[in-house]
């Protein structure tokens, strides 16, 4: 898997992860499907640690992808508790649940921050 990550071919990473999960959960296809469904939503899954650091440095803390990446475990845990059959839902239904949780976390971030949070202007001289 490390060699595939160095080559940086997203399709190869996805296929290899699928094969690993398939072998790891042989005889438990539901567990494999459940885990794979979550990897489908992991933002920046195809990026190297260096690329990820660069991307995150440029994103606002209120960006949907930033929030989903930063609070990945918490969002996943909350959705799995409230909707155990998440992996059985359609793409649109999964997206609606994830977008709702991201919006909830965005509201929490804004409430805990300054009341008049303004994104910095990185283009200012």
PDB file of N, CA and C in Angstrom:
ATOM      1  N   UNK A   1       0.830  -1.188   0.000  1.00  0.00           N
ATOM      2  CA  UNK A   1       0.000   0.000   0.000  1.00  0.00           C
ATOM      3  C   UNK A   1       0.874   1.252   0.000  1.00  0.00           C
ATOM      4  N   UNK A   2       1.982   1.217   0.727  1.00  0.00           N
ATOM      5  CA  UNK A   2       2.876   2.373   0.781  1.00  0.00           C
ATOM      6  C   UNK A   2       3.456   2.679  -0.590  1.00  0.00           C
ATOM      7  N   UNK A   3       3.801   1.637  -1.341  1.00  0.00           N
ATOM      8  CA  UNK A   3       4.353   1.841  -2.682  1.00  0.00           C
ATOM      9  C   UNK A   3       3.320   2.465  -3.602  1.00  0.00           C
ATOM     10  N   UNK A   4       2.078   2.060  -3.459  1.00  0.00           N
ATOM     11  CA  UNK A   4       1.003   2.619  -4.283  1.00  0.00           C
ATOM     12  C   UNK A   4       0.795   4.086  -3.922  1.00  0.00           C
ATOM     13  N   UNK A   5       0.891   4.428  -2.645  1.00  0.00           N
ATOM     14  CA  UNK A   5       0.719   5.814  -2.241  1.00  0.00           C
ATOM     15  C   UNK A   5       1.839   6.688  -2.779  1.00  0.00           C
ATOM     16  N   UNK A   6       3.044   6.139  -2.868  1.00  0.00           N
ATOM     17  CA  UNK A   6       4.159   6.904  -3.424  1.00  0.00           C
ATOM     18  C   UNK A   6       3.951   7.196  -4.902  1.00  0.00           C
ATOM     19  N   UNK A   7       3.378   6.232  -5.624  1.00  0.00           N
ATOM     20  CA  UNK A   7       3.124   6.413  -7.055  1.00  0.00           C
ATOM     21  C   UNK A   7       2.030   7.457  -7.252  1.00  0.00           C
ATOM     22  N   UNK A   8       1.117   7.561  -6.285  1.00  0.00           N
ATOM     23  CA  UNK A   8       0.075   8.578  -6.280  1.00  0.00           C
ATOM     24  C   UNK A   8      -0.941   8.396  -7.407  1.00  0.00           C
ATOM     25  N   UNK A   9      -1.407   7.175  -7.555  1.00  0.00           N
ATOM     26  CA  UNK A   9      -2.477   6.883  -8.511  1.00  0.00           C
ATOM     27  C   UNK A   9      -3.719   6.555  -7.691  1.00  0.00           C
ATOM     28  N   UNK A  10      -4.699   7.446  -7.741  1.00  0.00           N
ATOM     29  CA  UNK A  10      -5.877   7.323  -6.889  1.00  0.00           C
ATOM     30  C   UNK A  10      -6.610   6.006  -7.109  1.00  0.00           C
ATOM     31  N   UNK A  11      -6.820   5.620  -8.367  1.00  0.00           N
ATOM     32  CA  UNK A  11      -7.560   4.399  -8.658  1.00  0.00           C
ATOM     33  C   UNK A  11      -6.868   3.182  -8.069  1.00  0.00           C
ATOM     34  N   UNK A  12      -5.541   3.169  -8.101  1.00  0.00           N
ATOM     35  CA  UNK A  12      -4.788   2.050  -7.534  1.00  0.00           C
ATOM     36  C   UNK A  12      -4.974   2.003  -6.021  1.00  0.00           C
ATOM     37  N   UNK A  13      -4.994   3.161  -5.367  1.00  0.00           N
ATOM     38  CA  UNK A  13      -5.199   3.208  -3.922  1.00  0.00           C
ATOM     39  C   UNK A  13      -6.578   2.662  -3.564  1.00  0.00           C
ATOM     40  N   UNK A  14      -7.585   3.094  -4.308  1.00  0.00           N
ATOM     41  CA  UNK A  14      -8.951   2.655  -4.031  1.00  0.00           C
ATOM     42  C   UNK A  14      -9.072   1.146  -4.237  1.00  0.00           C
ATOM     43  N   UNK A  15      -8.514   0.654  -5.328  1.00  0.00           N
ATOM     44  CA  UNK A  15      -8.591  -0.776  -5.621  1.00  0.00           C
ATOM     45  C   UNK A  15      -7.848  -1.585  -4.563  1.00  0.00           C
ATOM     46  N   UNK A  16      -6.657  -1.143  -4.180  1.00  0.00           N
ATOM     47  CA  UNK A  16      -5.877  -1.872  -3.180  1.00  0.00           C
ATOM     48  C   UNK A  16      -6.587  -1.871  -1.836  1.00  0.00           C
ATOM     49  N   UNK A  17      -7.157  -0.734  -1.446  1.00  0.00           N
ATOM     50  CA  UNK A  17      -7.900  -0.678  -0.181  1.00  0.00           C
ATOM     51  C   UNK A  17      -9.081  -1.640  -0.231  1.00  0.00           C
ATOM     52  N   UNK A  18      -9.768  -1.685  -1.380  1.00  0.00           N
ATOM     53  CA  UNK A  18     -10.899  -2.599  -1.558  1.00  0.00           C
ATOM     54  C   UNK A  18     -10.441  -4.049  -1.381  1.00  0.00           C
ATOM     55  N   UNK A  19      -9.310  -4.405  -1.968  1.00  0.00           N
ATOM     56  CA  UNK A  19      -8.793  -5.770  -1.856  1.00  0.00           C
ATOM     57  C   UNK A  19      -8.408  -6.097  -0.415  1.00  0.00           C
ATOM     58  N   UNK A  20      -7.781  -5.143   0.267  1.00  0.00           N
ATOM     59  CA  UNK A  20      -7.382  -5.362   1.657  1.00  0.00           C
ATOM     60  C   UNK A  20      -8.616  -5.566   2.530  1.00  0.00           C
ATOM     61  N   UNK A  21      -9.603  -4.711   2.364  1.00  0.00           N
ATOM     62  CA  UNK A  21     -10.833  -4.841   3.150  1.00  0.00           C
ATOM     63  C   UNK A  21     -11.560  -6.145   2.834  1.00  0.00           C
ATOM     64  N   UNK A  22     -11.544  -6.523   1.567  1.00  0.00           N
ATOM     65  CA  UNK A  22     -12.200  -7.755   1.162  1.00  0.00           C
ATOM     66  C   UNK A  22     -11.552  -8.959   1.838  1.00  0.00           C
ATOM     67  N   UNK A  23     -10.227  -8.980   1.907  1.00  0.00           N
ATOM     68  CA  UNK A  23      -9.525 -10.081   2.567  1.00  0.00           C
ATOM     69  C   UNK A  23      -9.685 -10.009   4.081  1.00  0.00           C
ATOM     70  N   UNK A  24      -9.639  -8.814   4.600  1.00  0.00           N
ATOM     71  CA  UNK A  24      -9.726  -8.624   6.045  1.00  0.00           C
ATOM     72  C   UNK A  24     -11.095  -9.030   6.570  1.00  0.00           C
ATOM     73  N   UNK A  25     -12.136  -8.732   5.803  1.00  0.00           N
ATOM     74  CA  UNK A  25     -13.496  -9.028   6.250  1.00  0.00           C
ATOM     75  C   UNK A  25     -14.127 -10.121   5.391  1.00  0.00           C
ATOM     76  N   UNK A  26     -13.326 -11.119   5.058  1.00  0.00           N
ATOM     77  CA  UNK A  26     -13.824 -12.262   4.294  1.00  0.00           C
ATOM     78  C   UNK A  26     -14.914 -12.953   5.110  1.00  0.00           C
ATOM     79  N   UNK A  27     -16.051 -13.143   4.512  1.00  0.00           N
ATOM     80  CA  UNK A  27     -17.176 -13.749   5.225  1.00  0.00           C
ATOM     81  C   UNK A  27     -18.054 -12.717   5.910  1.00  0.00           C
ATOM     82  N   UNK A  28     -17.657 -11.454   5.880  1.00  0.00           N
ATOM     83  CA  UNK A  28     -18.446 -10.366   6.469  1.00  0.00           C
ATOM     84  C   UNK A  28     -18.633  -9.254   5.431  1.00  0.00           C
ATOM     85  N   UNK A  29     -19.366  -9.523   4.364  1.00  0.00           N
ATOM     86  CA  UNK A  29     -19.494  -8.522   3.293  1.00  0.00           C
ATOM     87  C   UNK A  29     -20.188  -7.236   3.745  1.00  0.00           C
ATOM     88  N   UNK A  30     -21.053  -7.321   4.730  1.00  0.00           N
ATOM     89  CA  UNK A  30     -21.747  -6.122   5.209  1.00  0.00           C
ATOM     90  C   UNK A  30     -20.759  -5.163   5.879  1.00  0.00           C
ATOM     91  N   UNK A  31     -19.829  -5.689   6.647  1.00  0.00           N
ATOM     92  CA  UNK A  31     -18.813  -4.859   7.296  1.00  0.00           C
ATOM     93  C   UNK A  31     -17.936  -4.196   6.251  1.00  0.00           C
ATOM     94  N   UNK A  32     -17.559  -4.961   5.240  1.00  0.00           N
ATOM     95  CA  UNK A  32     -16.746  -4.418   4.145  1.00  0.00           C
ATOM     96  C   UNK A  32     -17.486  -3.279   3.444  1.00  0.00           C
ATOM     97  N   UNK A  33     -18.757  -3.478   3.135  1.00  0.00           N
ATOM     98  CA  UNK A  33     -19.551  -2.437   2.465  1.00  0.00           C
ATOM     99  C   UNK A  33     -19.698  -1.197   3.336  1.00  0.00           C
ATOM    100  N   UNK A  34     -19.878  -1.421   4.646  1.00  0.00           N
ATOM    101  CA  UNK A  34     -20.049  -0.292   5.571  1.00  0.00           C
ATOM    102  C   UNK A  34     -18.786   0.562   5.611  1.00  0.00           C
ATOM    103  N   UNK A  35     -17.635  -0.072   5.711  1.00  0.00           N
ATOM    104  CA  UNK A  35     -16.371   0.668   5.772  1.00  0.00           C
ATOM    105  C   UNK A  35     -16.094   1.353   4.440  1.00  0.00           C
ATOM    106  N   UNK A  36     -16.324   0.644   3.337  1.00  0.00           N
ATOM    107  CA  UNK A  36     -16.069   1.212   2.013  1.00  0.00           C
ATOM    108  C   UNK A  36     -16.956   2.424   1.748  1.00  0.00           C
ATOM    109  N   UNK A  37     -18.193   2.383   2.223  1.00  0.00           N
ATOM    110  CA  UNK A  37     -19.103   3.518   2.026  1.00  0.00           C
ATOM    111  C   UNK A  37     -18.539   4.777   2.667  1.00  0.00           C
ATOM    112  N   UNK A  38     -17.884   4.630   3.810  1.00  0.00           N
ATOM    113  CA  UNK A  38     -17.310   5.804   4.472  1.00  0.00           C
ATOM    114  C   UNK A  38     -16.077   6.302   3.754  1.00  0.00           C
ATOM    115  N   UNK A  39     -15.254   5.421   3.229  1.00  0.00           N
ATOM    116  CA  UNK A  39     -14.076   5.874   2.484  1.00  0.00           C
ATOM    117  C   UNK A  39     -14.474   6.638   1.234  1.00  0.00           C
ATOM    118  N   UNK A  40     -15.659   6.371   0.703  1.00  0.00           N
ATOM    119  CA  UNK A  40     -16.136   7.115  -0.468  1.00  0.00           C
ATOM    120  C   UNK A  40     -16.337   8.594  -0.146  1.00  0.00           C
ATOM    121  N   UNK A  41     -16.529   8.917   1.121  1.00  0.00           N
ATOM    122  CA  UNK A  41     -16.803  10.304   1.520  1.00  0.00           C
ATOM    123  C   UNK A  41     -15.594  11.004   2.138  1.00  0.00           C
ATOM    124  N   UNK A  42     -14.514  10.303   2.348  1.00  0.00           N
ATOM    125  CA  UNK A  42     -13.338  10.904   2.978  1.00  0.00           C
ATOM    126  C   UNK A  42     -12.700  11.926   2.041  1.00  0.00           C
ATOM    127  N   UNK A  43     -12.693  13.206   2.418  1.00  0.00           N
ATOM    128  CA  UNK A  43     -12.100  14.210   1.536  1.00  0.00           C
ATOM    129  C   UNK A  43     -10.582  14.086   1.467  1.00  0.00           C
ATOM    130  N   UNK A  44     -10.047  14.405   0.322  1.00  0.00           N
ATOM    131  CA  UNK A  44      -8.604  14.425   0.081  1.00  0.00           C
ATOM    132  C   UNK A  44      -7.967  13.050   0.275  1.00  0.00           C
ATOM    133  N   UNK A  45      -8.729  12.010   0.067  1.00  0.00           N
ATOM    134  CA  UNK A  45      -8.236  10.643   0.244  1.00  0.00           C
ATOM    135  C   UNK A  45      -7.121  10.319  -0.741  1.00  0.00           C
ATOM    136  N   UNK A  46      -7.116  10.993  -1.867  1.00  0.00           N
ATOM    137  CA  UNK A  46      -6.136  10.702  -2.911  1.00  0.00           C
ATOM    138  C   UNK A  46      -4.868  11.548  -2.797  1.00  0.00           C
ATOM    139  N   UNK A  47      -4.753  12.356  -1.761  1.00  0.00           N
ATOM    140  CA  UNK A  47      -3.617  13.273  -1.632  1.00  0.00           C
ATOM    141  C   UNK A  47      -2.542  12.725  -0.695  1.00  0.00           C
ATOM    142  N   UNK A  48      -1.320  13.092  -0.980  1.00  0.00           N
ATOM    143  CA  UNK A  48      -0.204  12.724  -0.100  1.00  0.00           C
ATOM    144  C   UNK A  48      -0.255  13.629   1.135  1.00  0.00           C
ATOM    145  N   UNK A  49       0.455  13.276   2.198  1.00  0.00           N
ATOM    146  CA  UNK A  49       0.466  14.137   3.384  1.00  0.00           C
ATOM    147  C   UNK A  49       0.940  15.566   3.084  1.00  0.00           C
ATOM    148  N   UNK A  50       1.890  15.703   2.185  1.00  0.00           N
ATOM    149  CA  UNK A  50       2.392  17.034   1.828  1.00  0.00           C
ATOM    150  C   UNK A  50       1.320  17.832   1.083  1.00  0.00           C
ATOM    151  N   UNK A  51       0.659  17.180   0.119  1.00  0.00           N
ATOM    152  CA  UNK A  51      -0.409  17.848  -0.623  1.00  0.00           C
ATOM    153  C   UNK A  51      -1.560  18.212   0.311  1.00  0.00           C
ATOM    154  N   UNK A  52      -1.887  17.312   1.209  1.00  0.00           N
ATOM    155  CA  UNK A  52      -2.967  17.554   2.161  1.00  0.00           C
ATOM    156  C   UNK A  52      -2.662  18.766   3.033  1.00  0.00           C
ATOM    157  N   UNK A  53      -1.435  18.872   3.519  1.00  0.00           N
ATOM    158  CA  UNK A  53      -1.047  20.014   4.346  1.00  0.00           C
ATOM    159  C   UNK A  53      -1.185  21.320   3.572  1.00  0.00           C
ATOM    160  N   UNK A  54      -0.785  21.319   2.312  1.00  0.00           N
ATOM    161  CA  UNK A  54      -0.903  22.525   1.488  1.00  0.00           C
ATOM    162  C   UNK A  54      -2.362  22.902   1.271  1.00  0.00           C
ATOM    163  N   UNK A  55      -3.193  21.924   0.978  1.00  0.00           N
ATOM    164  CA  UNK A  55      -4.613  22.189   0.730  1.00  0.00           C
ATOM    165  C   UNK A  55      -5.277  22.731   1.988  1.00  0.00           C
ATOM    166  N   UNK A  56      -5.051  22.075   3.115  1.00  0.00           N
ATOM    167  CA  UNK A  56      -5.680  22.500   4.367  1.00  0.00           C
ATOM    168  C   UNK A  56      -5.229  23.887   4.789  1.00  0.00           C
ATOM    169  N   UNK A  57      -3.984  24.234   4.492  1.00  0.00           N
ATOM    170  CA  UNK A  57      -3.480  25.562   4.841  1.00  0.00           C
ATOM    171  C   UNK A  57      -4.196  26.650   4.058  1.00  0.00           C
ATOM    172  N   UNK A  58      -4.678  26.316   2.874  1.00  0.00           N
ATOM    173  CA  UNK A  58      -5.346  27.310   2.034  1.00  0.00           C
ATOM    174  C   UNK A  58      -6.852  27.413   2.289  1.00  0.00           C
ATOM    175  N   UNK A  59      -7.424  26.414   2.940  1.00  0.00           N
ATOM    176  CA  UNK A  59      -8.870  26.399   3.146  1.00  0.00           C
ATOM    177  C   UNK A  59      -9.283  27.149   4.406  1.00  0.00           C
ATOM    178  N   UNK A  60     -10.468  27.692   4.353  1.00  0.00           N
ATOM    179  CA  UNK A  60     -11.060  28.327   5.522  1.00  0.00           C
ATOM    180  C   UNK A  60     -11.483  27.247   6.513  1.00  0.00           C
ATOM    181  N   UNK A  61     -11.438  27.526   7.808  1.00  0.00           N
ATOM    182  CA  UNK A  61     -11.923  26.545   8.786  1.00  0.00           C
ATOM    183  C   UNK A  61     -13.421  26.290   8.656  1.00  0.00           C
ATOM    184  N   UNK A  62     -14.119  27.101   7.881  1.00  0.00           N
ATOM    185  CA  UNK A  62     -15.549  26.918   7.677  1.00  0.00           C
ATOM    186  C   UNK A  62     -15.870  26.224   6.355  1.00  0.00           C
ATOM    187  N   UNK A  63     -14.852  25.856   5.594  1.00  0.00           N
ATOM    188  CA  UNK A  63     -15.050  25.153   4.334  1.00  0.00           C
ATOM    189  C   UNK A  63     -15.593  23.751   4.612  1.00  0.00           C
ATOM    190  N   UNK A  64     -16.542  23.309   3.807  1.00  0.00           N
ATOM    191  CA  UNK A  64     -17.180  22.002   4.027  1.00  0.00           C
ATOM    192  C   UNK A  64     -16.178  20.855   4.014  1.00  0.00           C
ATOM    193  N   UNK A  65     -15.274  20.852   3.060  1.00  0.00           N
ATOM    194  CA  UNK A  65     -14.285  19.778   2.989  1.00  0.00           C
ATOM    195  C   UNK A  65     -13.326  19.820   4.170  1.00  0.00           C
ATOM    196  N   UNK A  66     -12.960  21.014   4.599  1.00  0.00           N
ATOM    197  CA  UNK A  66     -12.082  21.157   5.761  1.00  0.00           C
ATOM    198  C   UNK A  66     -12.768  20.585   7.004  1.00  0.00           C
ATOM    199  N   UNK A  67     -14.028  20.951   7.193  1.00  0.00           N
ATOM    200  CA  UNK A  67     -14.775  20.476   8.361  1.00  0.00           C
ATOM    201  C   UNK A  67     -14.920  18.965   8.319  1.00  0.00           C
ATOM    202  N   UNK A  68     -15.278  18.427   7.151  1.00  0.00           N
ATOM    203  CA  UNK A  68     -15.454  16.982   7.030  1.00  0.00           C
ATOM    204  C   UNK A  68     -14.144  16.251   7.302  1.00  0.00           C
ATOM    205  N   UNK A  69     -13.029  16.794   6.821  1.00  0.00           N
ATOM    206  CA  UNK A  69     -11.739  16.150   7.066  1.00  0.00           C
ATOM    207  C   UNK A  69     -11.349  16.274   8.544  1.00  0.00           C
ATOM    208  N   UNK A  70     -11.482  17.467   9.117  1.00  0.00           N
ATOM    209  CA  UNK A  70     -11.044  17.710  10.494  1.00  0.00           C
ATOM    210  C   UNK A  70     -11.877  16.954  11.525  1.00  0.00           C
ATOM    211  N   UNK A  71     -13.161  16.795  11.272  1.00  0.00           N
ATOM    212  CA  UNK A  71     -14.059  16.155  12.229  1.00  0.00           C
ATOM    213  C   UNK A  71     -14.581  14.825  11.686  1.00  0.00           C
ATOM    214  N   UNK A  72     -13.769  14.188  10.856  1.00  0.00           N
ATOM    215  CA  UNK A  72     -14.156  12.961  10.176  1.00  0.00           C
ATOM    216  C   UNK A  72     -14.661  11.892  11.138  1.00  0.00           C
ATOM    217  N   UNK A  73     -13.909  11.591  12.177  1.00  0.00           N
ATOM    218  CA  UNK A  73     -14.279  10.512  13.102  1.00  0.00           C
ATOM    219  C   UNK A  73     -15.568  10.842  13.845  1.00  0.00           C
ATOM    220  N   UNK A  74     -15.690  12.084  14.294  1.00  0.00           N
ATOM    221  CA  UNK A  74     -16.877  12.479  15.054  1.00  0.00           C
ATOM    222  C   UNK A  74     -18.135  12.436  14.179  1.00  0.00           C
ATOM    223  N   UNK A  75     -18.017  12.976  12.969  1.00  0.00           N
ATOM    224  CA  UNK A  75     -19.167  12.993  12.054  1.00  0.00           C
ATOM    225  C   UNK A  75     -19.568  11.570  11.712  1.00  0.00           C
ATOM    226  N   UNK A  76     -18.591  10.745  11.406  1.00  0.00           N
ATOM    227  CA  UNK A  76     -18.865   9.348  11.053  1.00  0.00           C
ATOM    228  C   UNK A  76     -19.545   8.629  12.212  1.00  0.00           C
ATOM    229  N   UNK A  77     -19.012   8.817  13.422  1.00  0.00           N
ATOM    230  CA  UNK A  77     -19.571   8.148  14.602  1.00  0.00           C
ATOM    231  C   UNK A  77     -21.017   8.582  14.848  1.00  0.00           C
ATOM    232  N   UNK A  78     -21.279   9.872  14.758  1.00  0.00           N
ATOM    233  CA  UNK A  78     -22.631  10.371  15.008  1.00  0.00           C
ATOM    234  C   UNK A  78     -23.627   9.848  13.974  1.00  0.00           C
ATOM    235  N   UNK A  79     -23.224   9.818  12.722  1.00  0.00           N
ATOM    236  CA  UNK A  79     -24.131   9.319  11.676  1.00  0.00           C
ATOM    237  C   UNK A  79     -24.348   7.822  11.827  1.00  0.00           C
ATOM    238  N   UNK A  80     -23.299   7.063  12.164  1.00  0.00           N
ATOM    239  CA  UNK A  80     -23.468   5.621  12.337  1.00  0.00           C
ATOM    240  C   UNK A  80     -24.392   5.287  13.496  1.00  0.00           C
ATOM    241  N   UNK A  81     -24.366   6.113  14.547  1.00  0.00           N
ATOM    242  CA  UNK A  81     -25.256   5.880  15.688  1.00  0.00           C
ATOM    243  C   UNK A  81     -26.699   6.202  15.299  1.00  0.00           C
ATOM    244  N   UNK A  82     -26.900   7.324  14.606  1.00  0.00           N
ATOM    245  CA  UNK A  82     -28.259   7.725  14.251  1.00  0.00           C
ATOM    246  C   UNK A  82     -28.812   6.964  13.046  1.00  0.00           C
ATOM    247  N   UNK A  83     -27.931   6.523  12.139  1.00  0.00           N
ATOM    248  CA  UNK A  83     -28.366   5.821  10.921  1.00  0.00           C
ATOM    249  C   UNK A  83     -27.456   4.617  10.692  1.00  0.00           C
ATOM    250  N   UNK A  84     -27.730   3.486  11.359  1.00  0.00           N
ATOM    251  CA  UNK A  84     -26.848   2.316  11.230  1.00  0.00           C
ATOM    252  C   UNK A  84     -26.762   1.779   9.798  1.00  0.00           C
ATOM    253  N   UNK A  85     -27.776   1.977   8.999  1.00  0.00           N
ATOM    254  CA  UNK A  85     -27.765   1.485   7.622  1.00  0.00           C
ATOM    255  C   UNK A  85     -27.290   2.526   6.629  1.00  0.00           C
ATOM    256  N   UNK A  86     -26.374   3.379   7.032  1.00  0.00           N
ATOM    257  CA  UNK A  86     -25.872   4.456   6.172  1.00  0.00           C
ATOM    258  C   UNK A  86     -25.382   3.916   4.834  1.00  0.00           C
ATOM    259  N   UNK A  87     -24.645   2.828   4.862  1.00  0.00           N
ATOM    260  CA  UNK A  87     -24.058   2.280   3.644  1.00  0.00           C
ATOM    261  C   UNK A  87     -25.103   1.733   2.671  1.00  0.00           C
ATOM    262  N   UNK A  88     -26.320   1.517   3.146  1.00  0.00           N
ATOM    263  CA  UNK A  88     -27.397   1.024   2.284  1.00  0.00           C
ATOM    264  C   UNK A  88     -28.159   2.151   1.591  1.00  0.00           C
ATOM    265  N   UNK A  89     -27.951   3.378   2.038  1.00  0.00           N
ATOM    266  CA  UNK A  89     -28.661   4.521   1.485  1.00  0.00           C
ATOM    267  C   UNK A  89     -28.133   4.889   0.099  1.00  0.00           C
ATOM    268  N   UNK A  90     -28.940   5.623  -0.641  1.00  0.00           N
ATOM    269  CA  UNK A  90     -28.502   6.110  -1.948  1.00  0.00           C
ATOM    270  C   UNK A  90     -27.469   7.216  -1.757  1.00  0.00           C
ATOM    271  N   UNK A  91     -26.772   7.535  -2.819  1.00  0.00           N
ATOM    272  CA  UNK A  91     -25.761   8.594  -2.782  1.00  0.00           C
ATOM    273  C   UNK A  91     -26.371   9.896  -2.284  1.00  0.00           C
ATOM    274  N   UNK A  92     -27.545  10.248  -2.794  1.00  0.00           N
ATOM    275  CA  UNK A  92     -28.192  11.504  -2.419  1.00  0.00           C
ATOM    276  C   UNK A  92     -28.547  11.521  -0.934  1.00  0.00           C
ATOM    277  N   UNK A  93     -29.039  10.407  -0.420  1.00  0.00           N
ATOM    278  CA  UNK A  93     -29.396  10.332   1.002  1.00  0.00           C
ATOM    279  C   UNK A  93     -28.144  10.413   1.880  1.00  0.00           C
ATOM    280  N   UNK A  94     -27.069   9.732   1.465  1.00  0.00           N
ATOM    281  CA  UNK A  94     -25.817   9.817   2.214  1.00  0.00           C
ATOM    282  C   UNK A  94     -25.290  11.246   2.208  1.00  0.00           C
ATOM    283  N   UNK A  95     -25.331  11.885   1.048  1.00  0.00           N
ATOM    284  CA  UNK A  95     -24.851  13.264   0.921  1.00  0.00           C
ATOM    285  C   UNK A  95     -25.655  14.201   1.811  1.00  0.00           C
ATOM    286  N   UNK A  96     -26.978  14.016   1.848  1.00  0.00           N
ATOM    287  CA  UNK A  96     -27.826  14.865   2.689  1.00  0.00           C
ATOM    288  C   UNK A  96     -27.458  14.719   4.163  1.00  0.00           C
ATOM    289  N   UNK A  97     -27.210  13.496   4.619  1.00  0.00           N
ATOM    290  CA  UNK A  97     -26.822  13.285   6.024  1.00  0.00           C
ATOM    291  C   UNK A  97     -25.477  13.933   6.330  1.00  0.00           C
ATOM    292  N   UNK A  98     -24.521  13.734   5.455  1.00  0.00           N
ATOM    293  CA  UNK A  98     -23.187  14.296   5.681  1.00  0.00           C
ATOM    294  C   UNK A  98     -23.226  15.812   5.619  1.00  0.00           C
ATOM    295  N   UNK A  99     -23.934  16.363   4.633  1.00  0.00           N
ATOM    296  CA  UNK A  99     -24.042  17.820   4.531  1.00  0.00           C
ATOM    297  C   UNK A  99     -24.715  18.415   5.763  1.00  0.00           C
ATOM    298  N   UNK A 100     -25.712  17.721   6.304  1.00  0.00           N
ATOM    299  CA  UNK A 100     -26.376  18.187   7.515  1.00  0.00           C
ATOM    300  C   UNK A 100     -25.434  18.219   8.709  1.00  0.00           C
ATOM    301  N   UNK A 101     -24.612  17.170   8.852  1.00  0.00           N
ATOM    302  CA  UNK A 101     -23.650  17.135   9.961  1.00  0.00           C
ATOM    303  C   UNK A 101     -22.568  18.196   9.789  1.00  0.00           C
ATOM    304  N   UNK A 102     -22.111  18.397   8.552  1.00  0.00           N
ATOM    305  CA  UNK A 102     -21.096  19.423   8.300  1.00  0.00           C
ATOM    306  C   UNK A 102     -21.658  20.798   8.652  1.00  0.00           C
ATOM    307  N   UNK A 103     -22.904  21.058   8.269  1.00  0.00           N
ATOM    308  CA  UNK A 103     -23.544  22.334   8.607  1.00  0.00           C
ATOM    309  C   UNK A 103     -23.666  22.495  10.124  1.00  0.00           C
ATOM    310  N   UNK A 104     -23.976  21.409  10.813  1.00  0.00           N
ATOM    311  CA  UNK A 104     -24.080  21.440  12.272  1.00  0.00           C
ATOM    312  C   UNK A 104     -22.726  21.786  12.898  1.00  0.00           C
ATOM    313  N   UNK A 105     -21.665  21.187  12.397  1.00  0.00           N
ATOM    314  CA  UNK A 105     -20.327  21.478  12.920  1.00  0.00           C
ATOM    315  C   UNK A 105     -19.894  22.895  12.559  1.00  0.00           C
ATOM    316  N   UNK A 106     -20.284  23.371  11.380  1.00  0.00           N
ATOM    317  CA  UNK A 106     -19.958  24.750  10.990  1.00  0.00           C
ATOM    318  C   UNK A 106     -20.620  25.724  11.954  1.00  0.00           C
ATOM    319  N   UNK A 107     -21.870  25.458  12.324  1.00  0.00           N
ATOM    320  CA  UNK A 107     -22.564  26.313  13.289  1.00  0.00           C
ATOM    321  C   UNK A 107     -21.872  26.293  14.644  1.00  0.00           C
ATOM    322  N   UNK A 108     -21.410  25.110  15.072  1.00  0.00           N
ATOM    323  CA  UNK A 108     -20.695  25.007  16.345  1.00  0.00           C
ATOM    324  C   UNK A 108     -19.402  25.814  16.319  1.00  0.00           C
ATOM    325  N   UNK A 109     -18.697  25.756  15.187  1.00  0.00           N
ATOM    326  CA  UNK A 109     -17.442  26.490  15.054  1.00  0.00           C
ATOM    327  C   UNK A 109     -17.702  27.989  15.117  1.00  0.00           C
ATOM    328  N   UNK A 110     -18.741  28.439  14.432  1.00  0.00           N
ATOM    329  CA  UNK A 110     -19.050  29.866  14.425  1.00  0.00           C
ATOM    330  C   UNK A 110     -19.506  30.333  15.794  1.00  0.00           C
ATOM    331  N   UNK A 111     -20.253  29.503  16.502  1.00  0.00           N
ATOM    332  CA  UNK A 111     -20.711  29.886  17.832  1.00  0.00           C
ATOM    333  C   UNK A 111     -19.556  29.960  18.815  1.00  0.00           C
ATOM    334  N   UNK A 112     -18.592  29.052  18.679  1.00  0.00           N
ATOM    335  CA  UNK A 112     -17.478  29.056  19.619  1.00  0.00           C
ATOM    336  C   UNK A 112     -16.435  30.107  19.284  1.00  0.00           C
ATOM    337  N   UNK A 113     -16.458  30.601  18.051  1.00  0.00           N
ATOM    338  CA  UNK A 113     -15.502  31.624  17.636  1.00  0.00           C
ATOM    339  C   UNK A 113     -16.015  33.011  17.964  1.00  0.00           C
ATOM    340  N   UNK A 114     -15.426  33.964  17.325  1.00  0.00           N
ATOM    341  CA  UNK A 114     -15.871  35.338  17.517  1.00  0.00           C
ATOM    342  C   UNK A 114     -17.246  35.502  16.883  1.00  0.00           C
ATOM    343  N   UNK A 115     -18.117  36.305  17.490  1.00  0.00           N
ATOM    344  CA  UNK A 115     -19.465  36.457  16.943  1.00  0.00           C
ATOM    345  C   UNK A 115     -19.464  37.065  15.541  1.00  0.00           C
ATOM    346  N   UNK A 116     -18.489  37.885  15.245  1.00  0.00           N
ATOM    347  CA  UNK A 116     -18.442  38.516  13.925  1.00  0.00           C
ATOM    348  C   UNK A 116     -17.250  37.963  13.135  1.00  0.00           C
ATOM    349  N   UNK A 117     -17.178  36.633  13.058  1.00  0.00           N
ATOM    350  CA  UNK A 117     -16.068  35.975  12.373  1.00  0.00           C
ATOM    351  C   UNK A 117     -16.015  36.408  10.916  1.00  0.00           C
ATOM    352  N   UNK A 118     -14.876  36.904  10.520  1.00  0.00           N
ATOM    353  CA  UNK A 118     -14.665  37.317   9.133  1.00  0.00           C
ATOM    354  C   UNK A 118     -13.451  36.565   8.615  1.00  0.00           C
ATOM    355  N   UNK A 119     -13.602  35.971   7.448  1.00  0.00           N
ATOM    356  CA  UNK A 119     -12.477  35.254   6.874  1.00  0.00           C
ATOM    357  C   UNK A 119     -11.403  36.264   6.484  1.00  0.00           C
ATOM    358  N   UNK A 120     -10.140  35.967   6.752  1.00  0.00           N
ATOM    359  CA  UNK A 120      -9.075  36.907   6.422  1.00  0.00           C
ATOM    360  C   UNK A 120      -8.924  37.054   4.907  1.00  0.00           C
ATOM    361  N   UNK A 121      -8.493  38.224   4.483  1.00  0.00           N
ATOM    362  CA  UNK A 121      -8.249  38.482   3.075  1.00  0.00           C
ATOM    363  C   UNK A 121      -6.779  38.179   2.810  1.00  0.00           C
ATOM    364  N   UNK A 122      -6.528  37.048   2.187  1.00  0.00           N
ATOM    365  CA  UNK A 122      -5.157  36.605   1.932  1.00  0.00           C
ATOM    366  C   UNK A 122      -4.540  37.354   0.750  1.00  0.00           C
ATOM    367  N   UNK A 123      -5.344  38.117   0.040  1.00  0.00           N
ATOM    368  CA  UNK A 123      -4.853  38.868  -1.107  1.00  0.00           C
ATOM    369  C   UNK A 123      -4.422  40.280  -0.725  1.00  0.00           C
ATOM    370  N   UNK A 124      -4.642  40.636   0.523  1.00  0.00           N
ATOM    371  CA  UNK A 124      -4.264  41.991   0.969  1.00  0.00           C
ATOM    372  C   UNK A 124      -2.739  42.116   1.024  1.00  0.00           C
ATOM    373  N   UNK A 125      -2.278  43.289   0.768  1.00  0.00           N
ATOM    374  CA  UNK A 125      -0.830  43.538   0.757  1.00  0.00           C
ATOM    375  C   UNK A 125      -0.375  43.981   2.111  1.00  0.00           C
TER     376      UNK A 125
END
